[in-house]
Amino acid sequence: MYETVTLDMIQSAGVGVLALMTGMFMTHNIKWLKKFCIPSPVSGGLLFSVATLLLYTIFHIEVSFDGTLKDIFMLAFFTSVGFQSNMRTLRQGGRTLTTMLLLLVVIITMQDTIR
């Protein structure tokens, strides 16, 4: 039998901020995260996901989050991902980046067509 811990909107946002700050600390101090340009929200979120998985599997505690702010934060995250790029950096990507961009355009087009 699992016990459920339910977090309200403010608590959920607070846990998200804590995960973000942890990710920022990790990205700043772990060289390979910085080398491979892993965003702070991704590294912090992955660590937090593993922590909640361990809570669930070992201690039988399910954590439930309020999703009211989820869409707003997701929009802000995905909008801000491209803020660090500039034309000079994109040119340095060269042929590999161009190939990846073309593949992404094809995949997105196929996904939208299939739906």
N, C-alpha and C. Protein backbone atom coordinates (compact mmCIF):
# COMPACT_ATOMS: atom_id res chain seq x y z
N MET A 1 0.85 -1.18 0.00
CA MET A 1 0.00 0.00 0.00
C MET A 1 0.89 1.24 0.00
N TYR A 2 0.57 2.18 -0.89
CA TYR A 2 1.38 3.38 -1.04
C TYR A 2 0.73 4.56 -0.34
N GLU A 3 1.57 5.35 0.31
CA GLU A 3 1.11 6.60 0.91
C GLU A 3 1.34 7.71 -0.11
N THR A 4 0.38 8.63 -0.23
CA THR A 4 0.49 9.71 -1.19
C THR A 4 0.74 11.03 -0.48
N VAL A 5 1.77 11.74 -0.93
CA VAL A 5 2.06 13.08 -0.44
C VAL A 5 1.64 14.04 -1.55
N THR A 6 0.67 14.90 -1.26
CA THR A 6 0.14 15.82 -2.27
C THR A 6 0.67 17.23 -2.01
N LEU A 7 1.31 17.81 -3.02
CA LEU A 7 1.85 19.16 -2.91
C LEU A 7 0.94 20.12 -3.65
N ASP A 8 0.67 21.28 -3.02
CA ASP A 8 -0.17 22.29 -3.68
C ASP A 8 0.66 23.08 -4.69
N MET A 9 0.06 24.09 -5.30
CA MET A 9 0.70 24.85 -6.37
C MET A 9 2.00 25.52 -5.89
N ILE A 10 1.99 26.14 -4.73
CA ILE A 10 3.17 26.84 -4.22
C ILE A 10 4.27 25.84 -3.86
N GLN A 11 3.91 24.75 -3.22
CA GLN A 11 4.89 23.74 -2.86
C GLN A 11 5.49 23.09 -4.10
N SER A 12 4.67 22.84 -5.09
CA SER A 12 5.15 22.26 -6.34
C SER A 12 6.13 23.20 -7.03
N ALA A 13 5.80 24.50 -7.05
CA ALA A 13 6.71 25.48 -7.65
C ALA A 13 8.01 25.57 -6.85
N GLY A 14 7.90 25.48 -5.53
CA GLY A 14 9.09 25.52 -4.69
C GLY A 14 10.00 24.33 -4.93
N VAL A 15 9.43 23.15 -5.10
CA VAL A 15 10.23 21.96 -5.41
C VAL A 15 10.88 22.13 -6.78
N GLY A 16 10.16 22.73 -7.72
CA GLY A 16 10.73 22.98 -9.04
C GLY A 16 11.91 23.94 -8.97
N VAL A 17 11.79 24.98 -8.16
CA VAL A 17 12.89 25.93 -7.99
C VAL A 17 14.08 25.25 -7.34
N LEU A 18 13.81 24.40 -6.34
CA LEU A 18 14.88 23.66 -5.69
C LEU A 18 15.60 22.74 -6.68
N ALA A 19 14.83 22.06 -7.53
CA ALA A 19 15.43 21.20 -8.56
C ALA A 19 16.26 22.03 -9.54
N LEU A 20 15.76 23.20 -9.92
CA LEU A 20 16.50 24.08 -10.83
C LEU A 20 17.81 24.55 -10.20
N MET A 21 17.75 24.97 -8.95
CA MET A 21 18.96 25.45 -8.27
C MET A 21 19.98 24.32 -8.09
N THR A 22 19.48 23.12 -7.80
CA THR A 22 20.36 21.97 -7.69
C THR A 22 21.02 21.68 -9.04
N GLY A 23 20.23 21.77 -10.11
CA GLY A 23 20.76 21.58 -11.46
C GLY A 23 21.81 22.62 -11.81
N MET A 24 21.57 23.87 -11.40
CA MET A 24 22.55 24.93 -11.66
C MET A 24 23.86 24.62 -10.94
N PHE A 25 23.76 24.17 -9.70
CA PHE A 25 24.95 23.81 -8.92
C PHE A 25 25.68 22.65 -9.60
N MET A 26 24.92 21.64 -10.01
CA MET A 26 25.52 20.47 -10.66
C MET A 26 26.21 20.85 -11.97
N THR A 27 25.52 21.64 -12.79
CA THR A 27 26.07 22.02 -14.10
C THR A 27 27.33 22.87 -13.92
N HIS A 28 27.36 23.68 -12.89
CA HIS A 28 28.52 24.53 -12.64
C HIS A 28 29.72 23.72 -12.15
N ASN A 29 29.46 22.65 -11.38
CA ASN A 29 30.55 21.91 -10.73
C ASN A 29 30.92 20.58 -11.37
N ILE A 30 30.09 20.05 -12.25
CA ILE A 30 30.41 18.78 -12.91
C ILE A 30 30.81 19.09 -14.35
N LYS A 31 32.07 18.85 -14.66
CA LYS A 31 32.63 19.28 -15.95
C LYS A 31 31.93 18.69 -17.15
N TRP A 32 31.56 17.41 -17.13
CA TRP A 32 30.96 16.80 -18.32
C TRP A 32 29.56 17.33 -18.59
N LEU A 33 28.85 17.80 -17.55
CA LEU A 33 27.55 18.44 -17.79
C LEU A 33 27.75 19.74 -18.56
N LYS A 34 28.78 20.48 -18.18
CA LYS A 34 29.08 21.74 -18.87
C LYS A 34 29.61 21.47 -20.27
N LYS A 35 30.45 20.44 -20.40
CA LYS A 35 31.05 20.12 -21.70
C LYS A 35 29.99 19.77 -22.73
N PHE A 36 28.99 18.99 -22.33
CA PHE A 36 27.95 18.56 -23.26
C PHE A 36 26.72 19.47 -23.25
N CYS A 37 26.85 20.65 -22.64
CA CYS A 37 25.80 21.68 -22.64
C CYS A 37 24.46 21.14 -22.12
N ILE A 38 24.50 20.39 -21.04
CA ILE A 38 23.28 19.89 -20.42
C ILE A 38 22.65 21.04 -19.63
N PRO A 39 21.43 21.44 -19.94
CA PRO A 39 20.81 22.57 -19.24
C PRO A 39 20.56 22.23 -17.76
N SER A 40 20.65 23.23 -16.93
CA SER A 40 20.44 23.06 -15.49
C SER A 40 19.09 22.44 -15.16
N PRO A 41 17.98 22.86 -15.82
CA PRO A 41 16.70 22.23 -15.50
C PRO A 41 16.68 20.74 -15.81
N VAL A 42 17.45 20.32 -16.82
CA VAL A 42 17.48 18.90 -17.18
C VAL A 42 18.25 18.11 -16.13
N SER A 43 19.42 18.59 -15.74
CA SER A 43 20.22 17.84 -14.76
C SER A 43 19.52 17.82 -13.40
N GLY A 44 18.97 18.95 -12.97
CA GLY A 44 18.25 18.98 -11.70
C GLY A 44 16.98 18.16 -11.74
N GLY A 45 16.26 18.22 -12.85
CA GLY A 45 15.04 17.45 -13.00
C GLY A 45 15.29 15.95 -13.02
N LEU A 46 16.39 15.55 -13.66
CA LEU A 46 16.74 14.13 -13.69
C LEU A 46 17.06 13.62 -12.29
N LEU A 47 17.83 14.39 -11.54
CA LEU A 47 18.16 14.01 -10.17
C LEU A 47 16.89 13.92 -9.32
N PHE A 48 16.00 14.89 -9.49
CA PHE A 48 14.76 14.88 -8.73
C PHE A 48 13.87 13.71 -9.13
N SER A 49 13.86 13.36 -10.40
CA SER A 49 13.08 12.22 -10.86
C SER A 49 13.58 10.92 -10.23
N VAL A 50 14.89 10.78 -10.15
CA VAL A 50 15.46 9.59 -9.52
C VAL A 50 15.11 9.56 -8.03
N ALA A 51 15.14 10.73 -7.38
CA ALA A 51 14.79 10.80 -5.96
C ALA A 51 13.34 10.39 -5.72
N THR A 52 12.42 10.87 -6.55
CA THR A 52 11.02 10.49 -6.37
C THR A 52 10.79 9.02 -6.73
N LEU A 53 11.56 8.49 -7.69
CA LEU A 53 11.48 7.07 -8.01
C LEU A 53 11.90 6.23 -6.81
N LEU A 54 12.99 6.64 -6.15
CA LEU A 54 13.46 5.91 -4.97
C LEU A 54 12.44 5.99 -3.84
N LEU A 55 11.83 7.17 -3.65
CA LEU A 55 10.77 7.30 -2.64
C LEU A 55 9.64 6.31 -2.92
N TYR A 56 9.29 6.20 -4.18
CA TYR A 56 8.17 5.35 -4.58
C TYR A 56 8.51 3.86 -4.43
N THR A 57 9.68 3.47 -4.91
CA THR A 57 10.01 2.05 -4.92
C THR A 57 10.48 1.53 -3.56
N ILE A 58 11.24 2.31 -2.82
CA ILE A 58 11.80 1.83 -1.56
C ILE A 58 10.87 2.11 -0.37
N PHE A 59 10.36 3.35 -0.30
CA PHE A 59 9.57 3.75 0.87
C PHE A 59 8.07 3.72 0.62
N HIS A 60 7.65 3.39 -0.60
CA HIS A 60 6.23 3.31 -0.96
C HIS A 60 5.50 4.64 -0.72
N ILE A 61 6.18 5.73 -1.11
CA ILE A 61 5.60 7.07 -0.99
C ILE A 61 5.46 7.64 -2.40
N GLU A 62 4.23 7.98 -2.76
CA GLU A 62 3.95 8.58 -4.06
C GLU A 62 3.81 10.08 -3.86
N VAL A 63 4.52 10.86 -4.67
CA VAL A 63 4.45 12.31 -4.58
C VAL A 63 3.57 12.81 -5.72
N SER A 64 2.54 13.59 -5.36
CA SER A 64 1.59 14.12 -6.34
C SER A 64 1.74 15.64 -6.38
N PHE A 65 1.92 16.18 -7.58
CA PHE A 65 2.14 17.61 -7.75
C PHE A 65 0.93 18.28 -8.35
N ASP A 66 0.71 19.54 -7.98
CA ASP A 66 -0.33 20.35 -8.59
C ASP A 66 0.21 20.83 -9.94
N GLY A 67 -0.54 20.63 -11.00
CA GLY A 67 -0.07 20.96 -12.35
C GLY A 67 -0.54 22.29 -12.88
N THR A 68 -1.05 23.17 -12.00
CA THR A 68 -1.60 24.46 -12.45
C THR A 68 -0.58 25.28 -13.23
N LEU A 69 0.65 25.34 -12.74
CA LEU A 69 1.67 26.18 -13.37
C LEU A 69 2.52 25.43 -14.39
N LYS A 70 2.24 24.16 -14.60
CA LYS A 70 3.06 23.32 -15.47
C LYS A 70 3.19 23.89 -16.89
N ASP A 71 2.07 24.24 -17.50
CA ASP A 71 2.11 24.74 -18.89
C ASP A 71 2.88 26.05 -18.99
N ILE A 72 2.72 26.92 -18.02
CA ILE A 72 3.43 28.21 -18.04
C ILE A 72 4.94 27.98 -17.94
N PHE A 73 5.36 27.12 -17.00
CA PHE A 73 6.78 26.86 -16.83
C PHE A 73 7.38 26.11 -18.01
N MET A 74 6.62 25.19 -18.59
CA MET A 74 7.12 24.48 -19.77
C MET A 74 7.30 25.43 -20.95
N LEU A 75 6.36 26.34 -21.13
CA LEU A 75 6.47 27.32 -22.20
C LEU A 75 7.69 28.21 -21.98
N ALA A 76 7.90 28.65 -20.75
CA ALA A 76 9.06 29.49 -20.44
C ALA A 76 10.36 28.72 -20.68
N PHE A 77 10.40 27.45 -20.28
CA PHE A 77 11.62 26.65 -20.47
C PHE A 77 11.96 26.46 -21.94
N PHE A 78 10.99 26.00 -22.71
CA PHE A 78 11.28 25.70 -24.11
C PHE A 78 11.50 26.98 -24.92
N THR A 79 10.92 28.09 -24.50
CA THR A 79 11.17 29.35 -25.17
C THR A 79 12.58 29.85 -24.88
N SER A 80 13.04 29.63 -23.66
CA SER A 80 14.35 30.15 -23.26
C SER A 80 15.52 29.27 -23.70
N VAL A 81 15.27 28.07 -24.16
CA VAL A 81 16.36 27.17 -24.55
C VAL A 81 17.22 27.79 -25.64
N GLY A 82 16.63 28.47 -26.59
CA GLY A 82 17.39 29.04 -27.70
C GLY A 82 18.03 30.39 -27.42
N PHE A 83 17.84 30.95 -26.23
CA PHE A 83 18.38 32.27 -25.94
C PHE A 83 19.90 32.33 -25.97
N GLN A 84 20.57 31.21 -25.69
CA GLN A 84 22.03 31.22 -25.65
C GLN A 84 22.65 31.07 -27.03
N SER A 85 21.88 30.72 -28.02
CA SER A 85 22.47 30.52 -29.34
C SER A 85 22.58 31.85 -30.09
N ASN A 86 23.57 31.91 -30.94
CA ASN A 86 23.74 33.07 -31.81
C ASN A 86 24.29 32.56 -33.15
N MET A 87 24.35 33.40 -34.12
CA MET A 87 24.75 32.98 -35.47
C MET A 87 26.19 32.45 -35.50
N ARG A 88 27.09 33.05 -34.73
CA ARG A 88 28.47 32.58 -34.71
C ARG A 88 28.55 31.14 -34.20
N THR A 89 27.81 30.87 -33.13
CA THR A 89 27.81 29.52 -32.58
C THR A 89 27.16 28.54 -33.55
N LEU A 90 26.09 28.96 -34.19
CA LEU A 90 25.42 28.09 -35.16
C LEU A 90 26.34 27.77 -36.34
N ARG A 91 27.11 28.76 -36.80
CA ARG A 91 28.04 28.52 -37.91
C ARG A 91 29.13 27.54 -37.51
N GLN A 92 29.55 27.56 -36.25
CA GLN A 92 30.58 26.63 -35.78
C GLN A 92 30.09 25.18 -35.82
N GLY A 93 28.76 25.00 -35.74
CA GLY A 93 28.20 23.66 -35.82
C GLY A 93 28.40 23.03 -37.18
N GLY A 94 28.48 23.86 -38.20
CA GLY A 94 28.79 23.41 -39.55
C GLY A 94 27.83 22.40 -40.13
N ARG A 95 28.40 21.45 -40.87
CA ARG A 95 27.60 20.47 -41.60
C ARG A 95 26.78 19.58 -40.66
N THR A 96 27.35 19.21 -39.52
CA THR A 96 26.65 18.35 -38.58
C THR A 96 25.37 19.01 -38.08
N LEU A 97 25.47 20.27 -37.73
CA LEU A 97 24.30 21.00 -37.25
C LEU A 97 23.26 21.17 -38.35
N THR A 98 23.71 21.44 -39.56
CA THR A 98 22.80 21.58 -40.70
C THR A 98 22.06 20.27 -40.96
N THR A 99 22.79 19.16 -40.91
CA THR A 99 22.17 17.84 -41.11
C THR A 99 21.13 17.57 -40.03
N MET A 100 21.49 17.85 -38.78
CA MET A 100 20.56 17.63 -37.68
C MET A 100 19.31 18.50 -37.84
N LEU A 101 19.49 19.75 -38.24
CA LEU A 101 18.36 20.65 -38.44
C LEU A 101 17.44 20.13 -39.54
N LEU A 102 17.99 19.68 -40.64
CA LEU A 102 17.18 19.14 -41.72
C LEU A 102 16.42 17.89 -41.29
N LEU A 103 17.09 17.00 -40.54
CA LEU A 103 16.42 15.81 -40.03
C LEU A 103 15.27 16.18 -39.09
N LEU A 104 15.49 17.17 -38.26
CA LEU A 104 14.43 17.61 -37.35
C LEU A 104 13.23 18.17 -38.10
N VAL A 105 13.49 18.94 -39.14
CA VAL A 105 12.39 19.49 -39.94
C VAL A 105 11.60 18.37 -40.59
N VAL A 106 12.29 17.35 -41.12
CA VAL A 106 11.61 16.21 -41.74
C VAL A 106 10.79 15.45 -40.70
N ILE A 107 11.37 15.19 -39.54
CA ILE A 107 10.67 14.44 -38.50
C ILE A 107 9.45 15.20 -38.00
N ILE A 108 9.59 16.49 -37.78
CA ILE A 108 8.45 17.30 -37.31
C ILE A 108 7.35 17.33 -38.35
N THR A 109 7.73 17.46 -39.61
CA THR A 109 6.74 17.47 -40.69
C THR A 109 6.01 16.13 -40.75
N MET A 110 6.75 15.03 -40.64
CA MET A 110 6.13 13.71 -40.64
C MET A 110 5.20 13.53 -39.44
N GLN A 111 5.64 13.99 -38.28
CA GLN A 111 4.81 13.87 -37.09
C GLN A 111 3.51 14.63 -37.24
N ASP A 112 3.58 15.85 -37.77
CA ASP A 112 2.36 16.65 -37.95
C ASP A 112 1.46 16.07 -39.03
N THR A 113 2.04 15.44 -40.04
CA THR A 113 1.25 14.84 -41.11
C THR A 113 0.54 13.56 -40.63
N ILE A 114 1.22 12.77 -39.85
CA ILE A 114 0.67 11.50 -39.37
C ILE A 114 -0.51 11.72 -38.42
N ARG A 115 -0.46 12.73 -37.62
CA ARG A 115 -1.54 13.00 -36.67
C ARG A 115 -2.79 13.17 -37.38
